[in-house]
Amino acid sequence: MVVAVVIGVCAVLAVLAFFVPRLSRHPERGTQRTLGAGARAGGKAPGVLGRLFSKPFHTSSRAVSRSGSAGRRTRRRMPF
């Protein structure tokens, strides 16, 4: 379920970044902030469990960042 939500957010951010690159920064940062809070909360678990619980949030954060930058990069390469 969480994977579907992250994929949906990435798709929305990519489309938003393509059509309105400047306005896509704020939702991207908000998503990064939310995922960062989850990673910090998961990282408070002791030892290996902390890394295990925070890793999905780091991976999702990286995916959100890549989808936003890919949308802006694609927009930059368009001939219009």
PDB file of N, CA and C in Angstrom:
ATOM      1  N   MET A   1       0.822  -1.187   0.000  1.00  0.00           N
ATOM      2  CA  MET A   1       0.000   0.000   0.000  1.00  0.00           C
ATOM      3  C   MET A   1       0.872   1.259   0.000  1.00  0.00           C
ATOM      4  N   VAL A   2       1.884   1.241   0.834  1.00  0.00           N
ATOM      5  CA  VAL A   2       2.776   2.399   0.915  1.00  0.00           C
ATOM      6  C   VAL A   2       3.543   2.572  -0.392  1.00  0.00           C
ATOM      7  N   VAL A   3       3.902   1.467  -1.011  1.00  0.00           N
ATOM      8  CA  VAL A   3       4.621   1.521  -2.282  1.00  0.00           C
ATOM      9  C   VAL A   3       3.756   2.200  -3.337  1.00  0.00           C
ATOM     10  N   ALA A   4       2.478   1.877  -3.361  1.00  0.00           N
ATOM     11  CA  ALA A   4       1.561   2.494  -4.324  1.00  0.00           C
ATOM     12  C   ALA A   4       1.450   3.999  -4.086  1.00  0.00           C
ATOM     13  N   VAL A   5       1.432   4.403  -2.840  1.00  0.00           N
ATOM     14  CA  VAL A   5       1.352   5.837  -2.514  1.00  0.00           C
ATOM     15  C   VAL A   5       2.618   6.551  -2.986  1.00  0.00           C
ATOM     16  N   VAL A   6       3.774   5.970  -2.741  1.00  0.00           N
ATOM     17  CA  VAL A   6       5.037   6.589  -3.157  1.00  0.00           C
ATOM     18  C   VAL A   6       5.111   6.679  -4.682  1.00  0.00           C
ATOM     19  N   ILE A   7       4.677   5.636  -5.371  1.00  0.00           N
ATOM     20  CA  ILE A   7       4.671   5.667  -6.837  1.00  0.00           C
ATOM     21  C   ILE A   7       3.720   6.749  -7.336  1.00  0.00           C
ATOM     22  N   GLY A   8       2.566   6.871  -6.710  1.00  0.00           N
ATOM     23  CA  GLY A   8       1.612   7.918  -7.087  1.00  0.00           C
ATOM     24  C   GLY A   8       2.171   9.312  -6.866  1.00  0.00           C
ATOM     25  N   VAL A   9       2.828   9.521  -5.747  1.00  0.00           N
ATOM     26  CA  VAL A   9       3.428  10.827  -5.453  1.00  0.00           C
ATOM     27  C   VAL A   9       4.534  11.139  -6.464  1.00  0.00           C
ATOM     28  N   CYS A  10       5.332  10.138  -6.798  1.00  0.00           N
ATOM     29  CA  CYS A  10       6.396  10.345  -7.792  1.00  0.00           C
ATOM     30  C   CYS A  10       5.809  10.719  -9.149  1.00  0.00           C
ATOM     31  N   ALA A  11       4.738  10.053  -9.539  1.00  0.00           N
ATOM     32  CA  ALA A  11       4.112  10.351 -10.831  1.00  0.00           C
ATOM     33  C   ALA A  11       3.537  11.767 -10.842  1.00  0.00           C
ATOM     34  N   VAL A  12       2.867  12.142  -9.778  1.00  0.00           N
ATOM     35  CA  VAL A  12       2.291  13.484  -9.693  1.00  0.00           C
ATOM     36  C   VAL A  12       3.396  14.536  -9.715  1.00  0.00           C
ATOM     37  N   LEU A  13       4.472  14.302  -8.989  1.00  0.00           N
ATOM     38  CA  LEU A  13       5.577  15.263  -8.976  1.00  0.00           C
ATOM     39  C   LEU A  13       6.258  15.374 -10.333  1.00  0.00           C
ATOM     40  N   ALA A  14       6.403  14.267 -11.034  1.00  0.00           N
ATOM     41  CA  ALA A  14       7.030  14.310 -12.355  1.00  0.00           C
ATOM     42  C   ALA A  14       6.183  15.120 -13.333  1.00  0.00           C
ATOM     43  N   VAL A  15       4.874  14.898 -13.307  1.00  0.00           N
ATOM     44  CA  VAL A  15       3.974  15.652 -14.190  1.00  0.00           C
ATOM     45  C   VAL A  15       3.957  17.128 -13.796  1.00  0.00           C
ATOM     46  N   LEU A  16       3.891  17.395 -12.506  1.00  0.00           N
ATOM     47  CA  LEU A  16       3.892  18.771 -12.029  1.00  0.00           C
ATOM     48  C   LEU A  16       5.192  19.470 -12.393  1.00  0.00           C
ATOM     49  N   ALA A  17       6.305  18.769 -12.251  1.00  0.00           N
ATOM     50  CA  ALA A  17       7.608  19.359 -12.581  1.00  0.00           C
ATOM     51  C   ALA A  17       7.732  19.616 -14.076  1.00  0.00           C
ATOM     52  N   PHE A  18       7.074  18.811 -14.892  1.00  0.00           N
ATOM     53  CA  PHE A  18       7.128  19.028 -16.331  1.00  0.00           C
ATOM     54  C   PHE A  18       6.315  20.260 -16.734  1.00  0.00           C
ATOM     55  N   PHE A  19       5.110  20.393 -16.178  1.00  0.00           N
ATOM     56  CA  PHE A  19       4.232  21.475 -16.609  1.00  0.00           C
ATOM     57  C   PHE A  19       4.503  22.804 -15.899  1.00  0.00           C
ATOM     58  N   VAL A  20       4.817  22.780 -14.625  1.00  0.00           N
ATOM     59  CA  VAL A  20       5.120  24.008 -13.882  1.00  0.00           C
ATOM     60  C   VAL A  20       6.341  23.767 -12.996  1.00  0.00           C
ATOM     61  N   PRO A  21       7.544  23.901 -13.569  1.00  0.00           N
ATOM     62  CA  PRO A  21       8.765  23.537 -12.837  1.00  0.00           C
ATOM     63  C   PRO A  21       8.971  24.322 -11.547  1.00  0.00           C
ATOM     64  N   ARG A  22       8.669  25.591 -11.551  1.00  0.00           N
ATOM     65  CA  ARG A  22       8.892  26.381 -10.335  1.00  0.00           C
ATOM     66  C   ARG A  22       7.948  25.990  -9.215  1.00  0.00           C
ATOM     67  N   LEU A  23       6.712  25.717  -9.566  1.00  0.00           N
ATOM     68  CA  LEU A  23       5.722  25.378  -8.542  1.00  0.00           C
ATOM     69  C   LEU A  23       5.866  23.949  -8.031  1.00  0.00           C
ATOM     70  N   SER A  24       6.694  23.151  -8.679  1.00  0.00           N
ATOM     71  CA  SER A  24       6.853  21.771  -8.232  1.00  0.00           C
ATOM     72  C   SER A  24       7.825  21.654  -7.065  1.00  0.00           C
ATOM     73  N   ARG A  25       8.600  22.675  -6.815  1.00  0.00           N
ATOM     74  CA  ARG A  25       9.607  22.608  -5.744  1.00  0.00           C
ATOM     75  C   ARG A  25       8.965  22.479  -4.360  1.00  0.00           C
ATOM     76  N   HIS A  26       7.907  23.234  -4.114  1.00  0.00           N
ATOM     77  CA  HIS A  26       7.291  23.236  -2.783  1.00  0.00           C
ATOM     78  C   HIS A  26       6.694  21.868  -2.424  1.00  0.00           C
ATOM     79  N   PRO A  27       5.894  21.244  -3.306  1.00  0.00           N
ATOM     80  CA  PRO A  27       5.401  19.902  -2.957  1.00  0.00           C
ATOM     81  C   PRO A  27       6.526  18.878  -2.809  1.00  0.00           C
ATOM     82  N   GLU A  28       7.577  19.039  -3.600  1.00  0.00           N
ATOM     83  CA  GLU A  28       8.703  18.107  -3.487  1.00  0.00           C
ATOM     84  C   GLU A  28       9.381  18.251  -2.124  1.00  0.00           C
ATOM     85  N   ARG A  29       9.583  19.480  -1.704  1.00  0.00           N
ATOM     86  CA  ARG A  29      10.212  19.693  -0.389  1.00  0.00           C
ATOM     87  C   ARG A  29       9.320  19.201   0.746  1.00  0.00           C
ATOM     88  N   GLY A  30       8.008  19.406   0.612  1.00  0.00           N
ATOM     89  CA  GLY A  30       7.091  18.913   1.638  1.00  0.00           C
ATOM     90  C   GLY A  30       7.127  17.397   1.747  1.00  0.00           C
ATOM     91  N   THR A  31       7.186  16.741   0.615  1.00  0.00           N
ATOM     92  CA  THR A  31       7.272  15.283   0.617  1.00  0.00           C
ATOM     93  C   THR A  31       8.593  14.830   1.206  1.00  0.00           C
ATOM     94  N   GLN A  32       9.672  15.533   0.857  1.00  0.00           N
ATOM     95  CA  GLN A  32      10.989  15.203   1.415  1.00  0.00           C
ATOM     96  C   GLN A  32      10.978  15.366   2.934  1.00  0.00           C
ATOM     97  N   ARG A  33      10.344  16.415   3.405  1.00  0.00           N
ATOM     98  CA  ARG A  33      10.288  16.667   4.848  1.00  0.00           C
ATOM     99  C   ARG A  33       9.514  15.562   5.563  1.00  0.00           C
ATOM    100  N   THR A  34       8.399  15.134   4.970  1.00  0.00           N
ATOM    101  CA  THR A  34       7.589  14.074   5.570  1.00  0.00           C
ATOM    102  C   THR A  34       8.347  12.753   5.604  1.00  0.00           C
ATOM    103  N   LEU A  35       8.989  12.423   4.500  1.00  0.00           N
ATOM    104  CA  LEU A  35       9.757  11.174   4.464  1.00  0.00           C
ATOM    105  C   LEU A  35      10.970  11.241   5.379  1.00  0.00           C
ATOM    106  N   GLY A  36      11.555  12.412   5.521  1.00  0.00           N
ATOM    107  CA  GLY A  36      12.682  12.571   6.443  1.00  0.00           C
ATOM    108  C   GLY A  36      12.262  12.354   7.882  1.00  0.00           C
ATOM    109  N   ALA A  37      11.057  12.819   8.228  1.00  0.00           N
ATOM    110  CA  ALA A  37      10.555  12.600   9.587  1.00  0.00           C
ATOM    111  C   ALA A  37      10.343  11.112   9.841  1.00  0.00           C
ATOM    112  N   GLY A  38       9.833  10.403   8.844  1.00  0.00           N
ATOM    113  CA  GLY A  38       9.661   8.962   8.991  1.00  0.00           C
ATOM    114  C   GLY A  38      10.984   8.244   9.140  1.00  0.00           C
ATOM    115  N   ALA A  39      11.989   8.693   8.382  1.00  0.00           N
ATOM    116  CA  ALA A  39      13.311   8.075   8.472  1.00  0.00           C
ATOM    117  C   ALA A  39      13.932   8.335   9.840  1.00  0.00           C
ATOM    118  N   ARG A  40      13.759   9.541  10.345  1.00  0.00           N
ATOM    119  CA  ARG A  40      14.311   9.844  11.670  1.00  0.00           C
ATOM    120  C   ARG A  40      13.618   9.035  12.749  1.00  0.00           C
ATOM    121  N   ALA A  41      12.294   8.874  12.629  1.00  0.00           N
ATOM    122  CA  ALA A  41      11.560   8.091  13.623  1.00  0.00           C
ATOM    123  C   ALA A  41      11.967   6.620  13.557  1.00  0.00           C
ATOM    124  N   GLY A  42      12.125   6.102  12.350  1.00  0.00           N
ATOM    125  CA  GLY A  42      12.539   4.711  12.202  1.00  0.00           C
ATOM    126  C   GLY A  42      13.968   4.490  12.655  1.00  0.00           C
ATOM    127  N   GLY A  43      14.799   5.501  12.488  1.00  0.00           N
ATOM    128  CA  GLY A  43      16.200   5.388  12.866  1.00  0.00           C
ATOM    129  C   GLY A  43      16.440   5.369  14.357  1.00  0.00           C
ATOM    130  N   LYS A  44      15.416   5.677  15.144  1.00  0.00           N
ATOM    131  CA  LYS A  44      15.581   5.673  16.596  1.00  0.00           C
ATOM    132  C   LYS A  44      15.550   4.273  17.189  1.00  0.00           C
ATOM    133  N   ALA A  45      15.186   3.303  16.379  1.00  0.00           N
ATOM    134  CA  ALA A  45      15.210   1.927  16.862  1.00  0.00           C
ATOM    135  C   ALA A  45      16.684   1.525  17.068  1.00  0.00           C
ATOM    136  N   PRO A  46      16.944   0.647  17.998  1.00  0.00           N
ATOM    137  CA  PRO A  46      18.335   0.308  18.307  1.00  0.00           C
ATOM    138  C   PRO A  46      19.010  -0.540  17.230  1.00  0.00           C
ATOM    139  N   GLY A  47      20.262  -0.213  16.977  1.00  0.00           N
ATOM    140  CA  GLY A  47      21.139  -1.029  16.145  1.00  0.00           C
ATOM    141  C   GLY A  47      20.703  -1.203  14.709  1.00  0.00           C
ATOM    142  N   VAL A  48      20.752  -2.445  14.260  1.00  0.00           N
ATOM    143  CA  VAL A  48      20.450  -2.784  12.877  1.00  0.00           C
ATOM    144  C   VAL A  48      18.990  -2.495  12.553  1.00  0.00           C
ATOM    145  N   LEU A  49      18.115  -2.621  13.533  1.00  0.00           N
ATOM    146  CA  LEU A  49      16.699  -2.339  13.292  1.00  0.00           C
ATOM    147  C   LEU A  49      16.469  -0.891  12.892  1.00  0.00           C
ATOM    148  N   GLY A  50      17.252   0.014  13.439  1.00  0.00           N
ATOM    149  CA  GLY A  50      17.116   1.420  13.076  1.00  0.00           C
ATOM    150  C   GLY A  50      17.408   1.647  11.609  1.00  0.00           C
ATOM    151  N   ARG A  51      18.465   1.042  11.123  1.00  0.00           N
ATOM    152  CA  ARG A  51      18.788   1.165   9.691  1.00  0.00           C
ATOM    153  C   ARG A  51      17.745   0.473   8.833  1.00  0.00           C
ATOM    154  N   LEU A  52      17.261  -0.659   9.312  1.00  0.00           N
ATOM    155  CA  LEU A  52      16.259  -1.414   8.569  1.00  0.00           C
ATOM    156  C   LEU A  52      14.941  -0.652   8.468  1.00  0.00           C
ATOM    157  N   PHE A  53      14.540   0.013   9.551  1.00  0.00           N
ATOM    158  CA  PHE A  53      13.285   0.752   9.545  1.00  0.00           C
ATOM    159  C   PHE A  53      13.379   2.074   8.794  1.00  0.00           C
ATOM    160  N   SER A  54      14.548   2.683   8.742  1.00  0.00           N
ATOM    161  CA  SER A  54      14.661   3.979   8.081  1.00  0.00           C
ATOM    162  C   SER A  54      14.983   3.864   6.593  1.00  0.00           C
ATOM    163  N   LYS A  55      15.456   2.709   6.166  1.00  0.00           N
ATOM    164  CA  LYS A  55      15.868   2.551   4.763  1.00  0.00           C
ATOM    165  C   LYS A  55      14.730   2.781   3.760  1.00  0.00           C
ATOM    166  N   PRO A  56      13.518   2.266   3.975  1.00  0.00           N
ATOM    167  CA  PRO A  56      12.457   2.527   2.994  1.00  0.00           C
ATOM    168  C   PRO A  56      12.153   4.017   2.835  1.00  0.00           C
ATOM    169  N   PHE A  57      12.283   4.771   3.901  1.00  0.00           N
ATOM    170  CA  PHE A  57      12.023   6.207   3.814  1.00  0.00           C
ATOM    171  C   PHE A  57      13.121   6.915   3.024  1.00  0.00           C
ATOM    172  N   HIS A  58      14.363   6.500   3.207  1.00  0.00           N
ATOM    173  CA  HIS A  58      15.459   7.086   2.441  1.00  0.00           C
ATOM    174  C   HIS A  58      15.315   6.757   0.952  1.00  0.00           C
ATOM    175  N   THR A  59      14.955   5.525   0.667  1.00  0.00           N
ATOM    176  CA  THR A  59      14.783   5.112  -0.722  1.00  0.00           C
ATOM    177  C   THR A  59      13.627   5.866  -1.373  1.00  0.00           C
ATOM    178  N   SER A  60      12.537   6.029  -0.655  1.00  0.00           N
ATOM    179  CA  SER A  60      11.391   6.769  -1.182  1.00  0.00           C
ATOM    180  C   SER A  60      11.738   8.234  -1.379  1.00  0.00           C
ATOM    181  N   SER A  61      12.496   8.790  -0.477  1.00  0.00           N
ATOM    182  CA  SER A  61      12.911  10.184  -0.601  1.00  0.00           C
ATOM    183  C   SER A  61      13.772  10.380  -1.845  1.00  0.00           C
ATOM    184  N   ARG A  62      14.658   9.443  -2.091  1.00  0.00           N
ATOM    185  CA  ARG A  62      15.506   9.518  -3.279  1.00  0.00           C
ATOM    186  C   ARG A  62      14.665   9.396  -4.551  1.00  0.00           C
ATOM    187  N   ALA A  63      13.646   8.538  -4.531  1.00  0.00           N
ATOM    188  CA  ALA A  63      12.779   8.370  -5.696  1.00  0.00           C
ATOM    189  C   ALA A  63      11.983   9.643  -5.971  1.00  0.00           C
ATOM    190  N   VAL A  64      11.498  10.291  -4.929  1.00  0.00           N
ATOM    191  CA  VAL A  64      10.746  11.540  -5.095  1.00  0.00           C
ATOM    192  C   VAL A  64      11.652  12.617  -5.679  1.00  0.00           C
ATOM    193  N   SER A  65      12.860  12.695  -5.196  1.00  0.00           N
ATOM    194  CA  SER A  65      13.809  13.682  -5.706  1.00  0.00           C
ATOM    195  C   SER A  65      14.125  13.436  -7.174  1.00  0.00           C
ATOM    196  N   ARG A  66      14.339  12.189  -7.528  1.00  0.00           N
ATOM    197  CA  ARG A  66      14.661  11.853  -8.914  1.00  0.00           C
ATOM    198  C   ARG A  66      13.496  12.123  -9.852  1.00  0.00           C
ATOM    199  N   SER A  67      12.273  11.849  -9.416  1.00  0.00           N
ATOM    200  CA  SER A  67      11.133  12.075 -10.309  1.00  0.00           C
ATOM    201  C   SER A  67      10.911  13.563 -10.553  1.00  0.00           C
ATOM    202  N   GLY A  68      11.087  14.380  -9.526  1.00  0.00           N
ATOM    203  CA  GLY A  68      10.958  15.823  -9.719  1.00  0.00           C
ATOM    204  C   GLY A  68      12.033  16.375 -10.626  1.00  0.00           C
ATOM    205  N   SER A  69      13.258  15.946 -10.418  1.00  0.00           N
ATOM    206  CA  SER A  69      14.339  16.452 -11.260  1.00  0.00           C
ATOM    207  C   SER A  69      14.222  15.928 -12.687  1.00  0.00           C
ATOM    208  N   ALA A  70      13.700  14.718 -12.861  1.00  0.00           N
ATOM    209  CA  ALA A  70      13.515  14.179 -14.210  1.00  0.00           C
ATOM    210  C   ALA A  70      12.460  14.969 -14.975  1.00  0.00           C
ATOM    211  N   GLY A  71      11.392  15.370 -14.291  1.00  0.00           N
ATOM    212  CA  GLY A  71      10.376  16.183 -14.949  1.00  0.00           C
ATOM    213  C   GLY A  71      10.915  17.537 -15.368  1.00  0.00           C
ATOM    214  N   ARG A  72      11.694  18.161 -14.494  1.00  0.00           N
ATOM    215  CA  ARG A  72      12.282  19.458 -14.845  1.00  0.00           C
ATOM    216  C   ARG A  72      13.318  19.317 -15.952  1.00  0.00           C
ATOM    217  N   ARG A  73      14.112  18.245 -15.924  1.00  0.00           N
ATOM    218  CA  ARG A  73      15.120  18.017 -16.952  1.00  0.00           C
ATOM    219  C   ARG A  73      14.465  17.781 -18.315  1.00  0.00           C
ATOM    220  N   THR A  74      13.375  17.026 -18.334  1.00  0.00           N
ATOM    221  CA  THR A  74      12.658  16.772 -19.579  1.00  0.00           C
ATOM    222  C   THR A  74      12.072  18.060 -20.129  1.00  0.00           C
ATOM    223  N   ARG A  75      11.547  18.880 -19.255  1.00  0.00           N
ATOM    224  CA  ARG A  75      10.993  20.166 -19.682  1.00  0.00           C
ATOM    225  C   ARG A  75      12.090  21.044 -20.292  1.00  0.00           C
ATOM    226  N   ARG A  76      13.264  21.037 -19.687  1.00  0.00           N
ATOM    227  CA  ARG A  76      14.380  21.843 -20.189  1.00  0.00           C
ATOM    228  C   ARG A  76      14.809  21.395 -21.586  1.00  0.00           C
ATOM    229  N   ARG A  77      14.706  20.116 -21.868  1.00  0.00           N
ATOM    230  CA  ARG A  77      15.150  19.589 -23.154  1.00  0.00           C
ATOM    231  C   ARG A  77      14.140  19.756 -24.279  1.00  0.00           C
ATOM    232  N   MET A  78      12.929  20.154 -23.954  1.00  0.00           N
ATOM    233  CA  MET A  78      11.903  20.311 -24.984  1.00  0.00           C
ATOM    234  C   MET A  78      12.251  21.526 -25.858  1.00  0.00           C
ATOM    235  N   PRO A  79      11.900  21.468 -27.128  1.00  0.00           N
ATOM    236  CA  PRO A  79      12.299  22.557 -28.042  1.00  0.00           C
ATOM    237  C   PRO A  79      11.473  23.825 -27.901  1.00  0.00           C
ATOM    238  N   PHE A  80      10.412  23.839 -27.102  1.00  0.00           N
ATOM    239  CA  PHE A  80       9.596  25.044 -26.993  1.00  0.00           C
ATOM    240  C   PHE A  80       9.847  25.811 -25.747  1.00  0.00           C
TER     241      PHE A  80
END
